[in-house]
N, C-alpha and C. Protein backbone atom coordinates (compact mmCIF):
# COMPACT_ATOMS: atom_id res chain seq x y z
N MET A 1 1.09 -1.17 -0.27
CA MET A 1 -0.06 0.18 0.22
C MET A 1 1.11 1.32 -0.09
N ASN A 2 0.52 2.16 -0.84
CA ASN A 2 0.96 3.37 -1.04
C ASN A 2 2.45 3.45 -1.13
N GLU A 3 2.94 2.43 -2.15
CA GLU A 3 4.39 2.05 -2.85
C GLU A 3 4.77 3.47 -3.10
N GLU A 4 6.16 3.99 -2.93
CA GLU A 4 6.49 5.02 -3.01
C GLU A 4 7.06 4.87 -4.62
N ARG A 5 6.32 5.35 -5.75
CA ARG A 5 6.69 5.18 -7.08
C ARG A 5 5.74 6.35 -7.84
N PHE A 6 6.30 6.57 -9.47
CA PHE A 6 5.40 7.09 -10.14
C PHE A 6 3.98 6.35 -10.73
N TYR A 7 3.02 6.89 -10.23
CA TYR A 7 1.93 5.93 -10.91
C TYR A 7 1.64 7.09 -12.27
N LEU A 8 2.08 6.15 -13.28
CA LEU A 8 1.94 6.66 -14.54
C LEU A 8 0.28 5.98 -15.64
N TYR A 9 0.61 5.28 -16.13
CA TYR A 9 -0.91 4.83 -16.71
C TYR A 9 -0.58 3.01 -16.54
N PRO A 10 -1.83 2.84 -15.61
CA PRO A 10 -2.08 1.52 -15.17
C PRO A 10 -2.70 0.54 -16.15
N LEU A 11 -1.50 0.28 -17.00
CA LEU A 11 -1.94 -0.42 -18.51
C LEU A 11 -2.25 -1.76 -17.92
N LYS A 12 -3.28 -1.96 -18.53
CA LYS A 12 -4.27 -3.63 -18.26
C LYS A 12 -4.62 -3.97 -16.91
N ARG A 13 -4.94 -2.91 -16.37
CA ARG A 13 -5.46 -3.11 -14.89
C ARG A 13 -7.00 -2.37 -14.79
N VAL A 14 -7.67 -2.69 -13.64
CA VAL A 14 -9.14 -1.81 -13.31
C VAL A 14 -8.75 -1.62 -11.99
N ALA A 15 -9.07 -0.43 -12.34
CA ALA A 15 -9.27 0.37 -11.03
C ALA A 15 -10.32 0.67 -10.24
N ALA A 16 -10.24 1.28 -8.99
CA ALA A 16 -11.57 1.18 -8.34
C ALA A 16 -11.22 2.09 -6.80
N VAL A 17 -12.17 2.78 -7.01
CA VAL A 17 -12.72 3.51 -5.62
C VAL A 17 -12.93 2.49 -4.37
N LEU A 18 -12.61 2.30 -3.28
CA LEU A 18 -13.26 1.70 -2.44
C LEU A 18 -13.46 2.57 -0.85
N ASP A 19 -14.77 2.58 -0.44
CA ASP A 19 -14.74 3.78 0.66
C ASP A 19 -14.13 3.40 1.95
N ASP A 20 -13.47 2.13 2.38
CA ASP A 20 -13.11 2.05 3.45
C ASP A 20 -12.22 0.79 3.37
N GLU A 21 -11.61 0.54 4.81
CA GLU A 21 -10.49 -0.52 4.74
C GLU A 21 -11.80 -2.03 4.99
N GLU A 22 -12.30 -2.03 5.62
CA GLU A 22 -13.14 -3.65 5.57
C GLU A 22 -13.58 -3.75 4.14
N ARG A 23 -14.10 -2.65 3.49
CA ARG A 23 -14.21 -3.16 1.67
C ARG A 23 -13.34 -3.68 1.02
N TYR A 24 -12.16 -2.75 1.38
CA TYR A 24 -10.84 -3.21 0.52
C TYR A 24 -10.34 -4.79 0.66
N ALA A 25 -10.51 -4.75 2.13
CA ALA A 25 -9.95 -6.48 2.73
C ALA A 25 -10.67 -7.21 1.86
N THR A 26 -12.43 -6.97 2.24
CA THR A 26 -13.08 -8.53 1.98
C THR A 26 -12.79 -8.25 -0.07
N ALA A 27 -12.96 -7.02 -0.68
CA ALA A 27 -12.72 -7.21 -2.23
C ALA A 27 -11.48 -7.84 -2.32
N CYS A 28 -10.34 -7.98 -1.53
CA CYS A 28 -9.17 -8.49 -1.89
C CYS A 28 -9.07 -9.98 -1.92
N HIS A 29 -9.97 -10.56 -0.84
CA HIS A 29 -10.19 -11.59 -0.43
C HIS A 29 -10.98 -12.44 -1.64
N HIS A 30 -11.94 -11.84 -2.10
CA HIS A 30 -12.49 -12.45 -3.28
C HIS A 30 -11.97 -12.36 -4.78
N LEU A 31 -10.73 -11.47 -4.81
CA LEU A 31 -9.81 -11.53 -5.83
C LEU A 31 -8.85 -12.18 -6.12
N GLU A 32 -8.72 -12.85 -4.92
CA GLU A 32 -7.41 -13.40 -4.32
C GLU A 32 -8.25 -15.11 -4.68
N GLN A 33 -9.64 -15.34 -4.31
CA GLN A 33 -10.17 -16.40 -4.52
C GLN A 33 -10.84 -16.75 -5.78
N ALA A 34 -10.60 -15.71 -6.85
CA ALA A 34 -10.94 -15.41 -8.18
C ALA A 34 -9.71 -15.61 -9.05
N GLY A 35 -8.25 -15.98 -8.07
CA GLY A 35 -6.83 -16.25 -9.09
C GLY A 35 -6.14 -15.10 -9.15
N ILE A 36 -7.19 -13.88 -8.92
CA ILE A 36 -5.77 -12.70 -8.94
C ILE A 36 -4.49 -12.88 -7.72
N ASP A 37 -3.53 -12.57 -8.30
CA ASP A 37 -2.23 -12.75 -7.74
C ASP A 37 -1.90 -11.00 -6.86
N LEU A 38 -2.43 -10.93 -5.91
CA LEU A 38 -2.47 -10.08 -4.65
C LEU A 38 -1.50 -8.96 -4.95
N SER A 39 -0.16 -9.73 -5.02
CA SER A 39 1.16 -9.38 -5.15
C SER A 39 1.50 -8.30 -5.76
N SER A 40 0.62 -8.14 -6.94
CA SER A 40 0.87 -7.76 -8.20
C SER A 40 0.04 -6.56 -8.22
N VAL A 41 -1.03 -6.34 -7.07
CA VAL A 41 -2.05 -5.20 -7.05
C VAL A 41 -1.31 -3.78 -6.24
N ASN A 42 -1.79 -2.99 -6.86
CA ASN A 42 -0.96 -1.49 -6.26
C ASN A 42 -2.48 -0.96 -5.45
N VAL A 43 -2.19 -0.39 -4.21
CA VAL A 43 -2.84 0.57 -3.58
C VAL A 43 -3.12 1.61 -3.04
N LEU A 44 -3.44 2.82 -3.17
CA LEU A 44 -3.23 4.24 -2.65
C LEU A 44 -4.11 4.08 -1.74
N GLN A 45 -3.97 4.90 -0.50
CA GLN A 45 -4.89 5.21 0.21
C GLN A 45 -5.12 6.72 1.00
N GLY A 46 -6.14 7.58 1.14
CA GLY A 46 -5.78 8.51 1.91
C GLY A 46 -4.96 9.84 1.06
N PRO A 47 -4.73 10.97 2.24
CA PRO A 47 -3.66 11.87 1.63
C PRO A 47 -2.47 11.18 1.24
N GLU A 48 -1.62 10.58 1.69
CA GLU A 48 -0.45 9.86 1.42
C GLU A 48 -0.52 9.09 -0.03
N GLY A 49 -1.77 8.50 -0.25
CA GLY A 49 -2.10 7.85 -1.71
C GLY A 49 -2.06 8.90 -2.33
N GLN A 50 -2.60 10.11 -2.08
CA GLN A 50 -3.16 11.43 -2.95
C GLN A 50 -1.71 12.10 -3.42
N ARG A 51 -0.63 12.01 -2.98
CA ARG A 51 0.37 12.45 -2.81
C ARG A 51 1.17 11.74 -4.27
N LEU A 52 1.11 10.44 -3.92
CA LEU A 52 2.13 9.07 -4.49
C LEU A 52 1.33 9.56 -6.03
N LEU A 53 -0.08 9.46 -6.17
CA LEU A 53 -0.53 9.36 -7.46
C LEU A 53 -0.15 10.67 -8.18
N ASP A 54 -0.50 12.05 -7.38
CA ASP A 54 0.37 12.95 -7.78
C ASP A 54 0.10 13.28 -9.31
N SER A 55 -1.49 13.78 -9.25
CA SER A 55 -2.08 14.29 -10.32
C SER A 55 -1.55 14.98 -11.46
N MET A 56 -0.55 16.11 -10.92
CA MET A 56 -0.05 17.24 -11.35
C MET A 56 1.38 16.91 -11.74
N GLY A 57 2.14 16.26 -11.31
CA GLY A 57 3.03 15.50 -11.77
C GLY A 57 4.16 16.59 -11.01
N THR A 58 3.92 17.61 -10.34
CA THR A 58 4.82 18.87 -9.78
C THR A 58 6.36 18.24 -9.26
N PRO A 59 6.31 17.60 -8.25
CA PRO A 59 7.04 17.37 -7.24
C PRO A 59 8.14 16.07 -8.23
N ARG A 60 7.90 15.83 -9.26
CA ARG A 60 8.61 14.84 -10.01
C ARG A 60 9.54 15.63 -11.04
N ARG A 61 10.61 14.76 -11.76
CA ARG A 61 11.58 15.22 -12.59
C ARG A 61 10.35 15.91 -13.69
N LEU A 62 11.68 16.42 -14.74
CA LEU A 62 10.68 16.84 -16.09
C LEU A 62 9.99 15.71 -16.78
N LEU A 63 10.48 14.17 -16.66
CA LEU A 63 9.43 13.72 -17.30
C LEU A 63 8.21 13.39 -17.04
N GLY A 64 8.26 13.36 -15.34
CA GLY A 64 7.04 13.27 -14.60
C GLY A 64 5.83 14.38 -15.24
N ARG A 65 6.68 15.69 -14.87
CA ARG A 65 5.33 16.72 -15.07
C ARG A 65 5.15 16.76 -16.30
N PHE A 66 5.97 16.37 -17.51
CA PHE A 66 5.84 16.06 -19.17
C PHE A 66 4.10 15.38 -19.14
N MET A 67 4.61 13.95 -18.84
CA MET A 67 3.79 13.16 -18.77
C MET A 67 2.06 13.42 -18.02
N ARG A 68 2.12 14.21 -16.85
CA ARG A 68 0.85 14.41 -16.45
C ARG A 68 0.14 15.57 -17.39
N TRP A 69 1.28 16.33 -17.86
CA TRP A 69 0.94 17.37 -18.78
C TRP A 69 -0.04 16.83 -20.26
N LEU A 70 0.56 15.14 -20.58
CA LEU A 70 0.08 14.72 -21.86
C LEU A 70 -1.23 14.18 -21.29
N GLN A 71 -1.62 14.14 -20.27
CA GLN A 71 -2.41 12.80 -19.73
C GLN A 71 -3.36 13.99 -19.33
N HIS A 72 -3.43 15.17 -18.83
CA HIS A 72 -4.28 16.16 -18.81
C HIS A 72 -4.86 16.63 -19.86
N GLY A 73 -4.44 16.33 -21.13
CA GLY A 73 -4.96 16.75 -22.41
C GLY A 73 -5.36 15.78 -23.19
N GLY A 74 -5.52 14.49 -22.40
CA GLY A 74 -6.24 13.52 -22.90
C GLY A 74 -7.24 12.93 -21.98
N TYR A 75 -7.63 11.79 -22.21
CA TYR A 75 -9.13 11.15 -21.77
C TYR A 75 -8.58 10.76 -20.24
N GLU A 76 -6.96 10.68 -19.79
CA GLU A 76 -6.61 10.23 -18.53
C GLU A 76 -7.08 11.56 -17.26
N SER A 77 -7.23 12.75 -18.10
CA SER A 77 -7.47 13.65 -17.13
C SER A 77 -8.91 13.39 -16.07
N GLU A 78 -10.10 12.68 -16.56
CA GLU A 78 -10.99 12.63 -15.41
C GLU A 78 -10.58 11.25 -14.71
N THR A 79 -9.90 10.74 -15.05
CA THR A 79 -9.90 9.21 -13.98
C THR A 79 -8.92 10.19 -13.06
N LEU A 80 -7.73 10.84 -13.02
CA LEU A 80 -6.67 11.20 -11.98
C LEU A 80 -7.63 11.83 -11.50
N ALA A 81 -8.31 12.89 -11.95
CA ALA A 81 -9.38 13.80 -11.16
C ALA A 81 -10.09 13.28 -10.13
N ALA A 82 -10.93 12.19 -10.63
CA ALA A 82 -11.82 11.47 -10.06
C ALA A 82 -11.23 10.54 -8.71
N HIS A 83 -9.76 10.21 -9.29
CA HIS A 83 -9.36 9.31 -8.15
C HIS A 83 -8.52 9.95 -6.95
N SER A 84 -7.51 11.68 -7.67
CA SER A 84 -7.39 12.02 -6.56
C SER A 84 -8.30 12.83 -5.54
N ALA A 85 -9.38 12.86 -5.95
CA ALA A 85 -10.63 13.57 -5.41
C ALA A 85 -11.23 12.60 -4.11
N ALA A 86 -11.15 11.08 -4.82
CA ALA A 86 -11.06 10.08 -3.42
C ALA A 86 -10.47 10.02 -2.83
N LEU A 87 -9.05 9.96 -2.96
CA LEU A 87 -7.77 9.71 -2.16
C LEU A 87 -8.59 10.78 -1.17
N SER A 88 -8.43 12.05 -1.32
CA SER A 88 -8.61 13.21 -0.54
C SER A 88 -9.53 13.12 0.36
N GLN A 89 -10.32 12.50 0.24
CA GLN A 89 -11.67 11.87 1.35
C GLN A 89 -11.49 10.52 2.00
N ASP A 90 -10.10 10.19 1.69
CA ASP A 90 -9.41 9.14 2.72
C ASP A 90 -9.98 7.97 2.50
N LYS A 91 -10.24 7.80 1.16
CA LYS A 91 -10.64 6.54 0.47
C LYS A 91 -9.71 5.86 0.00
N TRP A 92 -9.90 4.60 -0.33
CA TRP A 92 -8.98 3.72 -1.12
C TRP A 92 -8.77 3.13 -2.85
N LEU A 93 -7.66 3.39 -3.53
CA LEU A 93 -7.86 3.02 -4.75
C LEU A 93 -7.20 1.97 -4.87
N ILE A 94 -7.36 1.00 -5.72
CA ILE A 94 -6.88 -0.25 -5.84
C ILE A 94 -6.90 -0.71 -7.38
N PHE A 95 -5.76 -0.87 -7.99
CA PHE A 95 -5.29 -1.22 -9.43
C PHE A 95 -5.08 -2.57 -9.56
N VAL A 96 -6.04 -3.18 -10.29
CA VAL A 96 -5.60 -4.60 -10.28
C VAL A 96 -5.78 -5.19 -11.71
N PRO A 97 -4.25 -5.68 -11.73
CA PRO A 97 -3.87 -6.44 -13.05
C PRO A 97 -5.09 -7.29 -13.72
N VAL A 98 -5.12 -7.23 -15.13
CA VAL A 98 -6.05 -8.13 -15.29
C VAL A 98 -5.45 -8.70 -17.06
N ARG A 99 -5.72 -9.90 -17.31
CA ARG A 99 -5.47 -10.82 -18.61
C ARG A 99 -6.96 -10.51 -19.18
N GLY A 100 -7.33 -10.25 -20.29
CA GLY A 100 -8.42 -10.08 -21.03
C GLY A 100 -9.62 -10.15 -20.43
N LYS A 101 -10.37 -9.89 -21.34
CA LYS A 101 -11.96 -9.44 -21.22
C LYS A 101 -12.65 -10.33 -20.19
N ASN A 102 -12.46 -11.53 -19.94
CA ASN A 102 -12.93 -12.18 -18.78
C ASN A 102 -12.84 -11.94 -17.58
N GLU A 103 -11.17 -11.71 -17.23
CA GLU A 103 -10.71 -11.55 -16.10
C GLU A 103 -10.84 -9.93 -15.59
N ALA A 104 -10.86 -9.16 -16.69
CA ALA A 104 -11.81 -7.87 -16.40
C ALA A 104 -13.26 -7.72 -15.90
N ARG A 105 -13.86 -8.51 -16.55
CA ARG A 105 -15.28 -8.45 -16.18
C ARG A 105 -15.52 -9.06 -14.89
N ARG A 106 -15.02 -10.28 -14.39
CA ARG A 106 -14.94 -10.97 -12.96
C ARG A 106 -14.40 -9.50 -12.17
N THR A 107 -13.30 -8.93 -12.30
CA THR A 107 -12.76 -8.18 -11.45
C THR A 107 -13.76 -6.98 -11.40
N VAL A 108 -14.39 -6.08 -12.37
CA VAL A 108 -15.38 -5.32 -12.13
C VAL A 108 -16.40 -5.74 -11.24
N ASP A 109 -16.62 -7.13 -11.71
CA ASP A 109 -18.01 -7.24 -11.07
C ASP A 109 -17.43 -7.58 -9.19
N ILE A 110 -16.46 -7.82 -8.93
CA ILE A 110 -16.26 -8.29 -7.84
C ILE A 110 -15.85 -7.02 -6.57
N LEU A 111 -15.40 -6.06 -7.44
CA LEU A 111 -14.84 -4.67 -6.91
C LEU A 111 -16.36 -3.80 -6.64
N ARG A 112 -17.33 -3.85 -7.95
CA ARG A 112 -18.80 -3.34 -7.51
C ARG A 112 -19.30 -4.10 -6.38
N SER A 113 -19.17 -5.25 -6.30
CA SER A 113 -19.94 -6.10 -5.28
C SER A 113 -19.76 -5.63 -3.88
N HIS A 114 -18.41 -5.21 -3.86
CA HIS A 114 -17.78 -4.39 -2.40
C HIS A 114 -18.29 -3.06 -2.44
N GLY A 115 -18.98 -2.58 -3.02
CA GLY A 115 -19.26 -1.02 -3.26
C GLY A 115 -18.02 -0.22 -4.09
N GLY A 116 -17.47 -0.98 -4.88
CA GLY A 116 -16.56 -0.23 -5.81
C GLY A 116 -17.32 1.04 -6.67
N SER A 117 -16.71 2.08 -6.51
CA SER A 117 -17.11 3.10 -7.87
C SER A 117 -15.81 3.69 -8.56
N GLU A 118 -16.11 4.72 -9.22
CA GLU A 118 -15.18 5.41 -10.39
C GLU A 118 -14.33 4.09 -10.50
N ILE A 119 -15.09 2.95 -11.56
CA ILE A 119 -14.15 1.65 -11.74
C ILE A 119 -13.66 2.15 -13.36
N TYR A 120 -12.62 1.95 -13.75
CA TYR A 120 -12.03 2.08 -15.00
C TYR A 120 -11.00 0.94 -15.28
N HIS A 121 -11.18 0.54 -16.89
CA HIS A 121 -10.24 -0.58 -17.11
C HIS A 121 -9.43 0.23 -17.92
N PHE A 122 -7.96 0.17 -17.73
CA PHE A 122 -6.90 0.76 -18.28
C PHE A 122 -6.51 -0.10 -19.59
N ARG A 123 -7.06 -0.04 -21.03
CA ARG A 123 -6.28 -0.61 -21.86
C ARG A 123 -5.63 0.17 -22.58
N ARG A 124 -5.03 -0.56 -23.65
CA ARG A 124 -3.74 0.26 -24.79
C ARG A 124 -4.69 0.83 -25.65
N TRP A 125 -4.51 2.21 -25.72
CA TRP A 125 -5.00 3.03 -26.48
C TRP A 125 -6.77 3.57 -25.85
N ALA A 126 -6.92 3.17 -24.67
CA ALA A 126 -8.29 3.55 -24.05
C ALA A 126 -8.90 3.11 -23.00
N VAL A 127 -9.51 4.10 -22.20
CA VAL A 127 -9.65 3.66 -20.58
C VAL A 127 -11.32 3.57 -20.73
N GLN A 128 -11.68 2.57 -20.37
CA GLN A 128 -13.10 2.20 -20.30
C GLN A 128 -13.85 2.63 -18.74
N PHE A 129 -14.39 3.48 -18.69
CA PHE A 129 -15.16 3.55 -17.17
C PHE A 129 -16.62 2.63 -17.17
N PHE A 130 -16.91 2.33 -16.10
CA PHE A 130 -18.02 1.27 -15.80
C PHE A 130 -18.68 2.12 -14.66
N PRO A 131 -19.81 2.63 -14.97
CA PRO A 131 -20.64 3.03 -14.26
C PRO A 131 -21.40 2.53 -13.56
N SER A 132 -22.34 2.77 -12.16
CA SER A 132 -22.90 2.01 -11.62
C SER A 132 -24.38 1.62 -11.96
N ASN A 133 -24.67 2.12 -13.13
CA ASN A 133 -25.72 1.15 -13.73
C ASN A 133 -25.32 0.59 -14.62
N TYR A 134 -24.40 0.56 -15.22
CA TYR A 134 -23.59 -0.15 -16.20
C TYR A 134 -23.27 -1.71 -15.97
N ARG A 135 -24.18 -2.67 -16.64
CA ARG A 135 -24.43 -4.18 -16.78
C ARG A 135 -23.42 -4.88 -17.70
N LEU A 136 -22.46 -5.71 -17.34
CA LEU A 136 -21.43 -6.27 -18.20
C LEU A 136 -22.36 -7.33 -18.67
N LYS A 137 -21.88 -7.84 -20.18
CA LYS A 137 -22.38 -8.83 -21.08
C LYS A 137 -22.03 -10.22 -20.52
N PRO A 138 -22.51 -11.42 -20.28
CA PRO A 138 -21.65 -12.28 -20.04
C PRO A 138 -20.71 -12.69 -21.44
């Protein structure tokens, strides 16, 4: 949790906001039961997580600031803003690696069943948002 590194673009990951530690722990338990390797899951939490997410790239080197500038001009700006706002409210942000549509679908379903919100699947060249009323097709 709150690993000190630059969080660039979570390619091939599903990201979701969870309200509290209990929901996070239960979601992780069910993700593990579904075959997800928890050692490859990244988690940010609260103000420290918001600092690490670093939506503006300001304390980073020139490359970090440049990458955030590019992202703010693209579709990633909405995800950065939503996730940063959630972290400022002391919520949990989880990034789960997924392989393929079926694993992404299972992951979204598990995270949603534990109150996950602001759920996004980061794919190559696209970010898919899953609003709370969106139902995945089997």
